[in-house]
Amino acid sequence: MEVNKWHYTFGLMQKLESTLEPADFSRAEFQKGVKYKYNLKGDFMDLLDQLKEWVFDGDRSATIRINSFKKEFRIWVYDYKLQTGQFIDGISDINLEKIKEEEDRKQFEELKNKFKGE
């Protein structure tokens, strides 16, 4: 199992590198300008493992977006049952139930105001 995790993360990194290289993209220059908390050797790999576990624990998805033009590194998580998502910096930031409750409460208030006089 441990070897499969290593191959999986190594494959992701190879795919990322091969995607960036054809555009004559300087990884070193990109890394200087990007604001992210994870080093690619340790913390980032732990985060990938945690994201994978979170995704497979339900009907969910996680997307990692790296954009050289905006110099951003963002992680989007989405729960299909709750039908809501959020950007996160780490697993502990995931709070989709609270976001869904706030959205539902807002929608309830809007509907209550809409049908108040009827």
Protein backbone atom coordinates (compact mmCIF):
# COMPACT_ATOMS: atom_id res chain seq x y z
CA MET A 1 0.00 0.00 0.00
CA GLU A 2 2.83 2.41 0.88
CA VAL A 3 4.46 1.84 -2.52
CA ASN A 4 1.18 2.67 -4.28
CA LYS A 5 0.93 6.00 -2.41
CA TRP A 6 4.48 6.83 -3.43
CA HIS A 7 3.79 5.97 -7.08
CA TYR A 8 0.57 7.98 -6.98
CA THR A 9 2.19 11.15 -5.61
CA PHE A 10 5.27 10.71 -7.79
CA GLY A 11 3.00 10.38 -10.83
CA LEU A 12 1.15 13.57 -9.87
CA MET A 13 4.41 15.47 -9.55
CA GLN A 14 5.70 14.10 -12.88
CA LYS A 15 2.44 15.11 -14.56
CA LEU A 16 2.70 18.60 -13.09
CA GLU A 17 6.31 18.97 -14.24
CA SER A 18 5.60 17.65 -17.73
CA THR A 19 2.64 20.00 -18.04
CA LEU A 20 4.75 23.02 -17.17
CA GLU A 21 7.87 22.20 -19.21
CA PRO A 22 6.46 22.45 -22.78
CA ALA A 23 5.48 26.07 -22.20
CA ASP A 24 9.12 26.95 -21.45
CA PHE A 25 8.06 27.49 -17.88
CA SER A 26 10.62 28.14 -15.17
CA ARG A 27 9.65 26.17 -12.05
CA ALA A 28 12.13 28.08 -9.92
CA GLU A 29 10.65 31.41 -10.95
CA PHE A 30 7.13 30.13 -10.37
CA GLN A 31 7.99 28.86 -6.88
CA LYS A 32 9.43 32.24 -5.86
CA GLY A 33 6.21 34.07 -6.69
CA VAL A 34 3.64 31.57 -5.46
CA LYS A 35 2.19 31.95 -2.01
CA TYR A 36 1.56 28.52 -0.53
CA LYS A 37 2.27 26.86 2.78
CA TYR A 38 3.50 23.46 1.69
CA ASN A 39 6.93 22.22 0.76
CA LEU A 40 6.69 19.62 -1.98
CA LYS A 41 8.67 16.99 -0.10
CA GLY A 42 6.78 16.63 3.19
CA ASP A 43 3.75 18.68 4.11
CA PHE A 44 2.29 18.71 0.62
CA MET A 45 2.46 14.93 0.31
CA ASP A 46 0.78 14.59 3.71
CA LEU A 47 -1.92 16.97 2.52
CA LEU A 48 -2.46 14.86 -0.61
CA ASP A 49 -2.90 11.76 1.55
CA GLN A 50 -5.37 13.58 3.81
CA LEU A 51 -7.31 14.94 0.82
CA LYS A 52 -7.46 11.49 -0.76
CA GLU A 53 -8.79 10.01 2.48
CA TRP A 54 -11.38 12.81 2.83
CA VAL A 55 -12.54 12.43 -0.80
CA PHE A 56 -12.92 8.64 -0.58
CA ASP A 57 -14.80 8.95 2.73
CA GLY A 58 -17.88 10.27 0.93
CA ASP A 59 -19.26 11.48 -2.37
CA ARG A 60 -16.69 14.27 -2.71
CA SER A 61 -14.00 15.81 -4.86
CA ALA A 62 -10.87 17.90 -4.37
CA THR A 63 -9.16 20.02 -7.01
CA ILE A 64 -5.71 21.54 -6.75
CA ARG A 65 -5.27 24.61 -8.92
CA ILE A 66 -1.84 26.00 -9.67
CA ASN A 67 -1.85 29.11 -11.83
CA SER A 68 1.40 30.72 -12.98
CA PHE A 69 -0.22 33.91 -14.24
CA LYS A 70 -1.97 34.73 -10.98
CA LYS A 71 0.83 33.15 -8.91
CA GLU A 72 -1.70 31.15 -6.94
CA PHE A 73 -1.93 27.73 -5.37
CA ARG A 74 -5.50 26.88 -4.34
CA ILE A 75 -7.36 23.80 -3.20
CA TRP A 76 -11.10 23.49 -3.83
CA VAL A 77 -13.13 20.81 -2.04
CA TYR A 78 -16.71 19.88 -2.89
CA ASP A 79 -19.27 17.55 -1.33
CA TYR A 80 -21.85 16.27 -3.83
CA LYS A 81 -24.40 15.32 -1.15
CA LEU A 82 -24.29 18.78 0.43
CA GLN A 83 -23.94 20.38 -3.00
CA THR A 84 -21.47 22.94 -1.70
CA GLY A 85 -17.74 23.57 -1.78
CA GLN A 86 -15.00 25.86 -0.50
CA PHE A 87 -11.36 26.83 -0.97
CA ILE A 88 -9.07 25.55 1.78
CA ASP A 89 -5.46 25.81 2.96
CA GLY A 90 -5.58 22.51 4.85
CA ILE A 91 -7.85 19.67 5.87
CA SER A 92 -8.77 21.39 9.14
CA ASP A 93 -10.30 24.28 7.15
CA ILE A 94 -13.03 22.06 5.67
CA ASN A 95 -16.37 23.10 7.13
CA LEU A 96 -18.90 22.38 4.41
CA GLU A 97 -21.74 21.62 6.83
CA LYS A 98 -21.54 25.13 8.26
CA ILE A 99 -21.41 26.69 4.80
CA LYS A 100 -24.42 24.62 3.70
CA GLU A 101 -26.35 25.64 6.83
CA GLU A 102 -25.60 29.33 6.16
CA GLU A 103 -26.70 28.97 2.52
CA ASP A 104 -29.91 27.20 3.58
CA ARG A 105 -30.66 29.82 6.22
CA LYS A 106 -30.13 32.62 3.68
CA GLN A 107 -32.40 30.88 1.16
CA PHE A 108 -35.04 30.31 3.86
CA GLU A 109 -35.03 34.00 4.81
CA GLU A 110 -35.31 35.02 1.14
CA LEU A 111 -38.27 32.67 0.60
CA LYS A 112 -39.90 33.76 3.85
CA ASN A 113 -39.68 37.42 2.75
CA LYS A 114 -40.91 36.59 -0.74
CA PHE A 115 -44.06 34.81 0.47
CA LYS A 116 -44.62 36.93 3.60
CA GLY A 117 -47.74 38.72 2.37
CA GLU A 118 -49.52 35.70 0.90
